[in-house]
């Protein structure tokens, strides 16, 4: 039996979403492993994207760098400056012996993929660990992460269906010709509504101002993150980052908005939120 693309999307969502929510709720090592898996698989897919541009990413250094950045965000073994110095020296030194096309392209692509995915993914760890591990207080981070994910998924769906129904004005023709301003506005509105609704239901530890701000960030920065990943794929002549998830494309495709949104929300929580 051949399932439609929408049917595949629904089946995958039904299977995956409860696991993602459970790991987010539990936090600790479970959430760490979830985010590490998302970041590493996304990096592997990023490697497939840049291969189409004639670049050869150093997979080993990329995996090692991302693993360090994500784990270090929770355990703080090493300061970032020292890591970056060592990473640059080792990466450039090893490139002397690789002889795989352009050294400049290879080093640049490896650095971009490692820092882009490693730093953005590590911001998710910081959001989940934003509240101390003291009884029920630790669950606040889980509720917040789940709400952000829900807002992103609902924003994405609202933008898709709103664009299909009302879309007339192209949002970014060069990057994603199917997206419209109308769809983006629908996504933005539903992202804000989702977080405010979450505030009334179980995010009672944040203010309405913070709830609105998080919804605003998801509805704007999240959609920009999706466009940035589309920019990478469009430049490489690819539609999806991979075919790993039936009906959804790749891991990078599914979590691009979440990764891009995380550092902005983290900065807001640290320096603006009251």
C-alpha atoms as a PDB file:
ATOM      1  CA  UNK A   1       0.000   0.000   0.000  1.00  0.00           C
ATOM      2  CA  UNK A   2       1.394   3.376  -1.050  1.00  0.00           C
ATOM      3  CA  UNK A   3       0.791   6.086   1.520  1.00  0.00           C
ATOM      4  CA  UNK A   4       0.381   9.721   0.565  1.00  0.00           C
ATOM      5  CA  UNK A   5       3.015  12.211   1.656  1.00  0.00           C
ATOM      6  CA  UNK A   6       0.646  13.698   4.251  1.00  0.00           C
ATOM      7  CA  UNK A   7      -0.116  10.225   5.651  1.00  0.00           C
ATOM      8  CA  UNK A   8       3.606   9.543   6.041  1.00  0.00           C
ATOM      9  CA  UNK A   9       4.096  12.878   7.796  1.00  0.00           C
ATOM     10  CA  UNK A  10       1.309  12.112  10.254  1.00  0.00           C
ATOM     11  CA  UNK A  11       2.563   8.589  11.026  1.00  0.00           C
ATOM     12  CA  UNK A  12       6.107   9.804  11.629  1.00  0.00           C
ATOM     13  CA  UNK A  13       4.836  12.627  13.836  1.00  0.00           C
ATOM     14  CA  UNK A  14       2.673  10.264  15.905  1.00  0.00           C
ATOM     15  CA  UNK A  15       5.696   8.023  16.496  1.00  0.00           C
ATOM     16  CA  UNK A  16       8.346  10.685  17.093  1.00  0.00           C
ATOM     17  CA  UNK A  17       6.617  13.517  18.950  1.00  0.00           C
ATOM     18  CA  UNK A  18       5.874  11.558  22.173  1.00  0.00           C
ATOM     19  CA  UNK A  19       9.545  10.520  22.379  1.00  0.00           C
ATOM     20  CA  UNK A  20      10.729  14.095  21.837  1.00  0.00           C
ATOM     21  CA  UNK A  21       8.306  15.399  24.477  1.00  0.00           C
ATOM     22  CA  UNK A  22       9.346  12.690  26.948  1.00  0.00           C
ATOM     23  CA  UNK A  23      13.059  13.511  26.535  1.00  0.00           C
ATOM     24  CA  UNK A  24      12.345  17.240  26.862  1.00  0.00           C
ATOM     25  CA  UNK A  25      10.300  16.683  30.014  1.00  0.00           C
ATOM     26  CA  UNK A  26      12.884  14.400  31.614  1.00  0.00           C
ATOM     27  CA  UNK A  27      15.832  16.639  30.755  1.00  0.00           C
ATOM     28  CA  UNK A  28      19.286  15.618  31.993  1.00  0.00           C
ATOM     29  CA  UNK A  29      21.035  12.933  29.909  1.00  0.00           C
ATOM     30  CA  UNK A  30      17.878  12.123  27.924  1.00  0.00           C
ATOM     31  CA  UNK A  31      17.501  15.620  26.494  1.00  0.00           C
ATOM     32  CA  UNK A  32      21.255  15.889  26.018  1.00  0.00           C
ATOM     33  CA  UNK A  33      21.280  12.729  23.886  1.00  0.00           C
ATOM     34  CA  UNK A  34      18.254  13.922  21.892  1.00  0.00           C
ATOM     35  CA  UNK A  35      19.860  17.264  21.033  1.00  0.00           C
ATOM     36  CA  UNK A  36      23.222  15.652  20.325  1.00  0.00           C
ATOM     37  CA  UNK A  37      21.561  13.224  17.886  1.00  0.00           C
ATOM     38  CA  UNK A  38      19.719  16.078  16.148  1.00  0.00           C
ATOM     39  CA  UNK A  39      22.921  18.122  15.830  1.00  0.00           C
ATOM     40  CA  UNK A  40      25.118  15.245  14.596  1.00  0.00           C
ATOM     41  CA  UNK A  41      22.615  13.965  12.031  1.00  0.00           C
ATOM     42  CA  UNK A  42      22.026  17.531  10.846  1.00  0.00           C
ATOM     43  CA  UNK A  43      25.780  17.941  10.402  1.00  0.00           C
ATOM     44  CA  UNK A  44      25.947  14.749   8.347  1.00  0.00           C
ATOM     45  CA  UNK A  45      23.138  16.119   6.162  1.00  0.00           C
ATOM     46  CA  UNK A  46      24.918  19.471   5.958  1.00  0.00           C
ATOM     47  CA  UNK A  47      27.913  17.545   4.627  1.00  0.00           C
ATOM     48  CA  UNK A  48      25.693  16.106   1.877  1.00  0.00           C
ATOM     49  CA  UNK A  49      24.531  19.617   0.991  1.00  0.00           C
ATOM     50  CA  UNK A  50      28.012  21.132   0.665  1.00  0.00           C
ATOM     51  CA  UNK A  51      29.270  18.101  -1.284  1.00  0.00           C
ATOM     52  CA  UNK A  52      27.099  19.349  -4.132  1.00  0.00           C
ATOM     53  CA  UNK A  53      29.224  22.503  -4.095  1.00  0.00           C
ATOM     54  CA  UNK A  54      32.473  20.559  -4.366  1.00  0.00           C
ATOM     55  CA  UNK A  55      33.413  20.822  -0.668  1.00  0.00           C
ATOM     56  CA  UNK A  56      34.676  17.988   1.502  1.00  0.00           C
ATOM     57  CA  UNK A  57      33.737  18.454   5.153  1.00  0.00           C
ATOM     58  CA  UNK A  58      35.962  16.812   7.751  1.00  0.00           C
ATOM     59  CA  UNK A  59      33.291  14.574   9.286  1.00  0.00           C
ATOM     60  CA  UNK A  60      35.431  13.423  12.208  1.00  0.00           C
ATOM     61  CA  UNK A  61      36.319  16.950  13.355  1.00  0.00           C
ATOM     62  CA  UNK A  62      32.760  18.134  12.804  1.00  0.00           C
ATOM     63  CA  UNK A  63      31.304  15.328  14.916  1.00  0.00           C
ATOM     64  CA  UNK A  64      33.950  15.817  17.611  1.00  0.00           C
ATOM     65  CA  UNK A  65      33.449  19.582  17.707  1.00  0.00           C
ATOM     66  CA  UNK A  66      29.658  19.398  17.889  1.00  0.00           C
ATOM     67  CA  UNK A  67      29.780  16.694  20.563  1.00  0.00           C
ATOM     68  CA  UNK A  68      32.098  18.832  22.656  1.00  0.00           C
ATOM     69  CA  UNK A  69      30.021  22.015  22.254  1.00  0.00           C
ATOM     70  CA  UNK A  70      26.767  20.297  23.215  1.00  0.00           C
ATOM     71  CA  UNK A  71      28.139  18.322  26.182  1.00  0.00           C
ATOM     72  CA  UNK A  72      30.288  21.208  27.394  1.00  0.00           C
ATOM     73  CA  UNK A  73      27.246  23.466  27.511  1.00  0.00           C
ATOM     74  CA  UNK A  74      25.863  21.296  30.303  1.00  0.00           C
ATOM     75  CA  UNK A  75      29.021  20.243  32.130  1.00  0.00           C
ATOM     76  CA  UNK A  76      31.441  23.153  31.420  1.00  0.00           C
ATOM     77  CA  UNK A  77      34.656  21.183  31.053  1.00  0.00           C
ATOM     78  CA  UNK A  78      36.463  23.750  28.902  1.00  0.00           C
ATOM     79  CA  UNK A  79      36.095  27.407  27.937  1.00  0.00           C
ATOM     80  CA  UNK A  80      34.979  28.120  24.367  1.00  0.00           C
ATOM     81  CA  UNK A  81      37.987  30.280  23.454  1.00  0.00           C
ATOM     82  CA  UNK A  82      40.465  27.519  24.315  1.00  0.00           C
ATOM     83  CA  UNK A  83      38.365  24.968  22.436  1.00  0.00           C
ATOM     84  CA  UNK A  84      38.181  27.190  19.356  1.00  0.00           C
ATOM     85  CA  UNK A  85      41.945  27.785  19.279  1.00  0.00           C
ATOM     86  CA  UNK A  86      42.679  24.065  19.520  1.00  0.00           C
ATOM     87  CA  UNK A  87      39.981  23.206  16.988  1.00  0.00           C
ATOM     88  CA  UNK A  88      41.343  25.688  14.419  1.00  0.00           C
ATOM     89  CA  UNK A  89      44.926  24.465  14.804  1.00  0.00           C
ATOM     90  CA  UNK A  90      44.001  20.779  14.492  1.00  0.00           C
ATOM     91  CA  UNK A  91      41.503  21.269  11.667  1.00  0.00           C
ATOM     92  CA  UNK A  92      43.859  23.328   9.497  1.00  0.00           C
ATOM     93  CA  UNK A  93      46.827  21.085  10.287  1.00  0.00           C
ATOM     94  CA  UNK A  94      44.967  17.899   9.294  1.00  0.00           C
ATOM     95  CA  UNK A  95      43.831  19.533   6.048  1.00  0.00           C
ATOM     96  CA  UNK A  96      47.491  19.483   4.940  1.00  0.00           C
ATOM     97  CA  UNK A  97      47.217  15.709   4.547  1.00  0.00           C
ATOM     98  CA  UNK A  98      43.666  15.292   3.174  1.00  0.00           C
ATOM     99  CA  UNK A  99      44.197  16.318  -0.468  1.00  0.00           C
ATOM    100  CA  UNK A 100      40.448  16.500  -1.174  1.00  0.00           C
ATOM    101  CA  UNK A 101      39.812  19.502  -3.381  1.00  0.00           C
ATOM    102  CA  UNK A 102      39.992  23.067  -2.101  1.00  0.00           C
ATOM    103  CA  UNK A 103      41.475  23.345   1.393  1.00  0.00           C
ATOM    104  CA  UNK A 104      39.856  26.758   1.893  1.00  0.00           C
ATOM    105  CA  UNK A 105      36.408  25.426   0.964  1.00  0.00           C
ATOM    106  CA  UNK A 106      36.838  22.322   3.111  1.00  0.00           C
ATOM    107  CA  UNK A 107      37.977  24.194   6.218  1.00  0.00           C
ATOM    108  CA  UNK A 108      35.307  26.875   5.784  1.00  0.00           C
ATOM    109  CA  UNK A 109      32.509  24.330   5.362  1.00  0.00           C
ATOM    110  CA  UNK A 110      33.664  22.289   8.357  1.00  0.00           C
ATOM    111  CA  UNK A 111      33.866  25.389  10.534  1.00  0.00           C
ATOM    112  CA  UNK A 112      30.480  26.681   9.411  1.00  0.00           C
ATOM    113  CA  UNK A 113      28.728  23.347   9.977  1.00  0.00           C
ATOM    114  CA  UNK A 114      30.392  22.716  13.326  1.00  0.00           C
ATOM    115  CA  UNK A 115      29.782  26.156  14.799  1.00  0.00           C
ATOM    116  CA  UNK A 116      26.365  26.684  13.225  1.00  0.00           C
ATOM    117  CA  UNK A 117      24.935  23.384  14.446  1.00  0.00           C
ATOM    118  CA  UNK A 118      27.039  22.950  17.579  1.00  0.00           C
ATOM    119  CA  UNK A 119      26.417  26.405  19.028  1.00  0.00           C
ATOM    120  CA  UNK A 120      22.737  26.549  18.100  1.00  0.00           C
ATOM    121  CA  UNK A 121      22.116  23.071  19.509  1.00  0.00           C
ATOM    122  CA  UNK A 122      23.993  23.907  22.718  1.00  0.00           C
ATOM    123  CA  UNK A 123      21.625  26.861  23.239  1.00  0.00           C
ATOM    124  CA  UNK A 124      18.777  24.347  23.537  1.00  0.00           C
ATOM    125  CA  UNK A 125      20.663  22.634  26.348  1.00  0.00           C
ATOM    126  CA  UNK A 126      21.003  25.974  28.133  1.00  0.00           C
ATOM    127  CA  UNK A 127      17.266  26.658  27.815  1.00  0.00           C
ATOM    128  CA  UNK A 128      16.412  23.204  29.204  1.00  0.00           C
ATOM    129  CA  UNK A 129      18.878  23.733  32.075  1.00  0.00           C
ATOM    130  CA  UNK A 130      17.864  27.365  32.646  1.00  0.00           C
ATOM    131  CA  UNK A 131      16.039  26.432  35.845  1.00  0.00           C
ATOM    132  CA  UNK A 132      18.059  24.644  38.567  1.00  0.00           C
ATOM    133  CA  UNK A 133      17.681  20.948  39.344  1.00  0.00           C
ATOM    134  CA  UNK A 134      15.618  21.539  42.458  1.00  0.00           C
ATOM    135  CA  UNK A 135      12.457  19.431  42.631  1.00  0.00           C
ATOM    136  CA  UNK A 136       9.586  20.722  40.491  1.00  0.00           C
ATOM    137  CA  UNK A 137      11.624  23.783  39.507  1.00  0.00           C
ATOM    138  CA  UNK A 138      13.698  21.674  37.113  1.00  0.00           C
ATOM    139  CA  UNK A 139      10.550  20.735  35.175  1.00  0.00           C
ATOM    140  CA  UNK A 140      10.055  24.384  34.209  1.00  0.00           C
ATOM    141  CA  UNK A 141      12.781  24.018  31.580  1.00  0.00           C
ATOM    142  CA  UNK A 142      11.016  20.974  30.158  1.00  0.00           C
ATOM    143  CA  UNK A 143       7.675  22.768  29.925  1.00  0.00           C
ATOM    144  CA  UNK A 144       9.378  25.714  28.250  1.00  0.00           C
ATOM    145  CA  UNK A 145      11.185  23.573  25.657  1.00  0.00           C
ATOM    146  CA  UNK A 146       7.993  21.640  24.861  1.00  0.00           C
ATOM    147  CA  UNK A 147       6.096  24.909  24.426  1.00  0.00           C
ATOM    148  CA  UNK A 148       8.763  26.301  22.089  1.00  0.00           C
ATOM    149  CA  UNK A 149       8.700  23.126  20.015  1.00  0.00           C
ATOM    150  CA  UNK A 150       4.887  23.198  19.860  1.00  0.00           C
ATOM    151  CA  UNK A 151       4.946  26.845  18.773  1.00  0.00           C
ATOM    152  CA  UNK A 152       7.439  26.057  16.003  1.00  0.00           C
ATOM    153  CA  UNK A 153       5.458  23.051  14.727  1.00  0.00           C
ATOM    154  CA  UNK A 154       2.184  25.003  14.806  1.00  0.00           C
ATOM    155  CA  UNK A 155       3.851  28.027  13.186  1.00  0.00           C
ATOM    156  CA  UNK A 156       5.165  25.794  10.395  1.00  0.00           C
ATOM    157  CA  UNK A 157       1.767  24.176   9.799  1.00  0.00           C
ATOM    158  CA  UNK A 158      -0.118  27.498   9.947  1.00  0.00           C
ATOM    159  CA  UNK A 159       2.329  29.065   7.491  1.00  0.00           C
ATOM    160  CA  UNK A 160       1.947  26.105   5.124  1.00  0.00           C
ATOM    161  CA  UNK A 161      -1.844  25.930   5.137  1.00  0.00           C
ATOM    162  CA  UNK A 162      -2.317  29.686   5.376  1.00  0.00           C
ATOM    163  CA  UNK A 163      -0.018  30.133   2.404  1.00  0.00           C
ATOM    164  CA  UNK A 164      -1.870  27.479   0.407  1.00  0.00           C
ATOM    165  CA  UNK A 165      -5.212  29.167   1.052  1.00  0.00           C
ATOM    166  CA  UNK A 166      -4.349  32.858   0.950  1.00  0.00           C
ATOM    167  CA  UNK A 167      -0.795  33.120  -0.393  1.00  0.00           C
ATOM    168  CA  UNK A 168      -0.426  35.708  -3.182  1.00  0.00           C
ATOM    169  CA  UNK A 169       2.737  37.658  -2.393  1.00  0.00           C
ATOM    170  CA  UNK A 170       6.016  35.741  -2.521  1.00  0.00           C
ATOM    171  CA  UNK A 171       8.097  35.956   0.636  1.00  0.00           C
ATOM    172  CA  UNK A 172      11.569  35.170  -0.686  1.00  0.00           C
ATOM    173  CA  UNK A 173      11.381  34.025  -4.292  1.00  0.00           C
ATOM    174  CA  UNK A 174      15.124  33.417  -4.701  1.00  0.00           C
ATOM    175  CA  UNK A 175      15.275  31.057  -1.722  1.00  0.00           C
ATOM    176  CA  UNK A 176      11.844  29.447  -1.322  1.00  0.00           C
ATOM    177  CA  UNK A 177       9.399  30.207  -4.166  1.00  0.00           C
ATOM    178  CA  UNK A 178       6.452  28.445  -2.493  1.00  0.00           C
ATOM    179  CA  UNK A 179       6.469  30.570   0.672  1.00  0.00           C
ATOM    180  CA  UNK A 180       4.303  33.692   0.860  1.00  0.00           C
ATOM    181  CA  UNK A 181       3.958  36.723   3.098  1.00  0.00           C
ATOM    182  CA  UNK A 182       0.418  35.640   3.913  1.00  0.00           C
ATOM    183  CA  UNK A 183       1.649  32.236   5.070  1.00  0.00           C
ATOM    184  CA  UNK A 184       4.411  33.852   7.140  1.00  0.00           C
ATOM    185  CA  UNK A 185       1.887  36.122   8.850  1.00  0.00           C
ATOM    186  CA  UNK A 186      -0.347  33.141   9.631  1.00  0.00           C
ATOM    187  CA  UNK A 187       2.650  31.332  11.108  1.00  0.00           C
ATOM    188  CA  UNK A 188       3.611  34.343  13.202  1.00  0.00           C
ATOM    189  CA  UNK A 189       0.106  34.810  14.619  1.00  0.00           C
ATOM    190  CA  UNK A 190      -0.277  31.150  15.556  1.00  0.00           C
ATOM    191  CA  UNK A 191       3.210  31.032  17.119  1.00  0.00           C
ATOM    192  CA  UNK A 192       2.326  33.911  19.443  1.00  0.00           C
ATOM    193  CA  UNK A 193      -1.087  32.409  20.258  1.00  0.00           C
ATOM    194  CA  UNK A 194       0.493  29.029  21.037  1.00  0.00           C
ATOM    195  CA  UNK A 195       2.981  30.379  23.581  1.00  0.00           C
ATOM    196  CA  UNK A 196       0.400  32.644  25.231  1.00  0.00           C
ATOM    197  CA  UNK A 197      -1.971  29.676  25.491  1.00  0.00           C
ATOM    198  CA  UNK A 198       0.849  27.592  26.966  1.00  0.00           C
ATOM    199  CA  UNK A 199       1.420  30.385  29.505  1.00  0.00           C
ATOM    200  CA  UNK A 200      -2.192  30.138  30.669  1.00  0.00           C
ATOM    201  CA  UNK A 201      -2.047  26.336  30.881  1.00  0.00           C
ATOM    202  CA  UNK A 202       1.324  25.416  32.395  1.00  0.00           C
ATOM    203  CA  UNK A 203       3.899  28.182  31.931  1.00  0.00           C
ATOM    204  CA  UNK A 204       2.673  30.100  34.971  1.00  0.00           C
ATOM    205  CA  UNK A 205       6.283  30.796  35.972  1.00  0.00           C
ATOM    206  CA  UNK A 206       6.813  33.263  33.092  1.00  0.00           C
ATOM    207  CA  UNK A 207       5.103  36.596  32.492  1.00  0.00           C
ATOM    208  CA  UNK A 208       2.727  37.332  29.616  1.00  0.00           C
ATOM    209  CA  UNK A 209       5.377  39.720  28.315  1.00  0.00           C
ATOM    210  CA  UNK A 210       7.899  36.861  28.150  1.00  0.00           C
ATOM    211  CA  UNK A 211       5.318  34.542  26.577  1.00  0.00           C
ATOM    212  CA  UNK A 212       4.596  37.119  23.876  1.00  0.00           C
ATOM    213  CA  UNK A 213       8.320  37.677  23.305  1.00  0.00           C
ATOM    214  CA  UNK A 214       9.010  33.948  22.896  1.00  0.00           C
ATOM    215  CA  UNK A 215       6.074  33.630  20.485  1.00  0.00           C
ATOM    216  CA  UNK A 216       7.362  36.671  18.591  1.00  0.00           C
ATOM    217  CA  UNK A 217      10.847  35.153  18.340  1.00  0.00           C
ATOM    218  CA  UNK A 218       9.480  31.812  17.133  1.00  0.00           C
ATOM    219  CA  UNK A 219       7.203  33.502  14.601  1.00  0.00           C
ATOM    220  CA  UNK A 220       9.992  35.634  13.129  1.00  0.00           C
ATOM    221  CA  UNK A 221      13.428  34.157  13.835  1.00  0.00           C
ATOM    222  CA  UNK A 222      12.113  30.606  13.448  1.00  0.00           C
ATOM    223  CA  UNK A 223      10.855  31.340   9.939  1.00  0.00           C
ATOM    224  CA  UNK A 224      14.140  33.048   9.082  1.00  0.00           C
ATOM    225  CA  UNK A 225      15.970  29.901  10.237  1.00  0.00           C
ATOM    226  CA  UNK A 226      13.871  27.867   7.826  1.00  0.00           C
ATOM    227  CA  UNK A 227      14.777  30.279   5.021  1.00  0.00           C
ATOM    228  CA  UNK A 228      18.486  30.071   5.876  1.00  0.00           C
ATOM    229  CA  UNK A 229      18.460  26.286   5.578  1.00  0.00           C
ATOM    230  CA  UNK A 230      16.501  26.639   2.314  1.00  0.00           C
ATOM    231  CA  UNK A 231      19.242  29.018   1.146  1.00  0.00           C
ATOM    232  CA  UNK A 232      21.863  26.320   1.737  1.00  0.00           C
ATOM    233  CA  UNK A 233      19.813  23.702  -0.123  1.00  0.00           C
ATOM    234  CA  UNK A 234      18.880  26.038  -2.988  1.00  0.00           C
ATOM    235  CA  UNK A 235      22.533  26.964  -3.460  1.00  0.00           C
ATOM    236  CA  UNK A 236      23.411  23.260  -3.613  1.00  0.00           C
ATOM    237  CA  UNK A 237      20.466  22.365  -5.888  1.00  0.00           C
ATOM    238  CA  UNK A 238      18.753  20.158  -3.297  1.00  0.00           C
ATOM    239  CA  UNK A 239      15.118  19.976  -2.165  1.00  0.00           C
ATOM    240  CA  UNK A 240      15.628  18.123   1.135  1.00  0.00           C
ATOM    241  CA  UNK A 241      18.663  17.726   3.361  1.00  0.00           C
ATOM    242  CA  UNK A 242      18.063  13.947   3.190  1.00  0.00           C
ATOM    243  CA  UNK A 243      15.289  11.352   2.847  1.00  0.00           C
ATOM    244  CA  UNK A 244      15.747  10.063   6.380  1.00  0.00           C
ATOM    245  CA  UNK A 245      12.228  10.869   7.623  1.00  0.00           C
ATOM    246  CA  UNK A 246       9.416   9.690   5.310  1.00  0.00           C
ATOM    247  CA  UNK A 247       7.265  12.639   4.286  1.00  0.00           C
ATOM    248  CA  UNK A 248       9.449  15.136   6.164  1.00  0.00           C
ATOM    249  CA  UNK A 249      12.864  15.125   4.502  1.00  0.00           C
ATOM    250  CA  UNK A 250      15.857  15.204   6.812  1.00  0.00           C
ATOM    251  CA  UNK A 251      16.537  15.987  10.452  1.00  0.00           C
ATOM    252  CA  UNK A 252      18.050  19.345   9.445  1.00  0.00           C
ATOM    253  CA  UNK A 253      14.806  20.131   7.583  1.00  0.00           C
ATOM    254  CA  UNK A 254      12.675  19.381  10.646  1.00  0.00           C
ATOM    255  CA  UNK A 255      14.748  21.164  13.283  1.00  0.00           C
ATOM    256  CA  UNK A 256      16.204  24.135  11.393  1.00  0.00           C
ATOM    257  CA  UNK A 257      13.745  26.615  12.954  1.00  0.00           C
ATOM    258  CA  UNK A 258      14.185  25.218  16.466  1.00  0.00           C
ATOM    259  CA  UNK A 259      17.975  25.433  16.227  1.00  0.00           C
ATOM    260  CA  UNK A 260      17.919  28.968  14.838  1.00  0.00           C
ATOM    261  CA  UNK A 261      15.420  30.205  17.418  1.00  0.00           C
ATOM    262  CA  UNK A 262      17.126  28.731  20.495  1.00  0.00           C
ATOM    263  CA  UNK A 263      20.006  31.232  20.964  1.00  0.00           C
ATOM    264  CA  UNK A 264      17.698  34.248  20.582  1.00  0.00           C
ATOM    265  CA  UNK A 265      15.279  32.884  23.186  1.00  0.00           C
ATOM    266  CA  UNK A 266      18.200  32.058  25.474  1.00  0.00           C
ATOM    267  CA  UNK A 267      19.577  35.606  25.198  1.00  0.00           C
ATOM    268  CA  UNK A 268      16.123  37.004  25.914  1.00  0.00           C
ATOM    269  CA  UNK A 269      15.734  34.820  29.007  1.00  0.00           C
ATOM    270  CA  UNK A 270      19.169  35.750  30.310  1.00  0.00           C
ATOM    271  CA  UNK A 271      19.229  39.485  29.689  1.00  0.00           C
ATOM    272  CA  UNK A 272      15.705  40.797  29.116  1.00  0.00           C
ATOM    273  CA  UNK A 273      13.070  38.591  30.748  1.00  0.00           C
ATOM    274  CA  UNK A 274      11.801  39.603  34.154  1.00  0.00           C
END
